[in-house]
Each structure stands twice: as C-alpha cells, then as structure tokens.
C-alpha cells in the first residue's frame, strides 16, 4: 500500500484511521481501540 495521506479521527474510545492515495481517494480505513492504537 502506498498511502500519501493519513488522517486520524481522535475520539474518546475508538480511533478511526483513513489512508488516501495521491488523488485523495481513501484506499483503506481502520478502527482501533485506544489500547490497540497505543
């Protein structure tokens, strides 16, 4: 995977990560608990 942009939505319990390609299209999303993110 070649992601050029990574976005992280910081919430209280669950973090949502989005990886985008060079054109800005989201190529992968992940949801991680606070514990898994650390």
C-alpha atoms as a PDB file:
ATOM      1  CA  UNK A   1       0.000   0.000   0.000  1.00  0.00           C
ATOM      2  CA  UNK A   2       1.310   3.441  -0.936  1.00  0.00           C
ATOM      3  CA  UNK A   3      -0.600   5.989   1.109  1.00  0.00           C
ATOM      4  CA  UNK A   4       0.303   9.642   0.771  1.00  0.00           C
ATOM      5  CA  UNK A   5      -2.125  10.970   3.362  1.00  0.00           C
ATOM      6  CA  UNK A   6      -3.091   9.548   6.722  1.00  0.00           C
ATOM      7  CA  UNK A   7      -5.989  11.029   8.696  1.00  0.00           C
ATOM      8  CA  UNK A   8      -6.718  10.167  12.311  1.00  0.00           C
ATOM      9  CA  UNK A   9     -10.024  10.973  13.998  1.00  0.00           C
ATOM     10  CA  UNK A  10      -9.271  11.218  17.711  1.00  0.00           C
ATOM     11  CA  UNK A  11     -12.196  10.158  19.857  1.00  0.00           C
ATOM     12  CA  UNK A  12     -12.559   9.048  23.451  1.00  0.00           C
ATOM     13  CA  UNK A  13     -12.578   5.281  22.903  1.00  0.00           C
ATOM     14  CA  UNK A  14     -12.102   4.492  19.198  1.00  0.00           C
ATOM     15  CA  UNK A  15      -9.638   5.994  16.714  1.00  0.00           C
ATOM     16  CA  UNK A  16     -10.567   5.954  13.024  1.00  0.00           C
ATOM     17  CA  UNK A  17      -7.689   5.992  10.537  1.00  0.00           C
ATOM     18  CA  UNK A  18      -8.052   6.714   6.819  1.00  0.00           C
ATOM     19  CA  UNK A  19      -5.284   6.213   4.261  1.00  0.00           C
ATOM     20  CA  UNK A  20      -5.555   8.084   0.940  1.00  0.00           C
ATOM     21  CA  UNK A  21      -3.696   7.765  -2.354  1.00  0.00           C
ATOM     22  CA  UNK A  22      -2.156  10.583  -4.400  1.00  0.00           C
ATOM     23  CA  UNK A  23      -5.550  11.596  -5.838  1.00  0.00           C
ATOM     24  CA  UNK A  24      -7.088  11.860  -2.378  1.00  0.00           C
ATOM     25  CA  UNK A  25      -9.178   8.686  -2.675  1.00  0.00           C
ATOM     26  CA  UNK A  26      -9.462   6.681   0.521  1.00  0.00           C
ATOM     27  CA  UNK A  27      -7.806   3.312  -0.055  1.00  0.00           C
ATOM     28  CA  UNK A  28      -8.107   1.859   3.434  1.00  0.00           C
ATOM     29  CA  UNK A  29      -9.909   2.589   6.695  1.00  0.00           C
ATOM     30  CA  UNK A  30      -9.248   1.143  10.128  1.00  0.00           C
ATOM     31  CA  UNK A  31     -10.945   1.449  13.507  1.00  0.00           C
ATOM     32  CA  UNK A  32      -8.728   0.904  16.521  1.00  0.00           C
ATOM     33  CA  UNK A  33      -9.451   1.000  20.212  1.00  0.00           C
ATOM     34  CA  UNK A  34      -7.389   3.380  22.309  1.00  0.00           C
ATOM     35  CA  UNK A  35      -5.442   0.399  23.636  1.00  0.00           C
ATOM     36  CA  UNK A  36      -4.683  -1.005  20.157  1.00  0.00           C
ATOM     37  CA  UNK A  37      -3.601   2.426  18.876  1.00  0.00           C
ATOM     38  CA  UNK A  38      -1.014   2.974  21.618  1.00  0.00           C
END
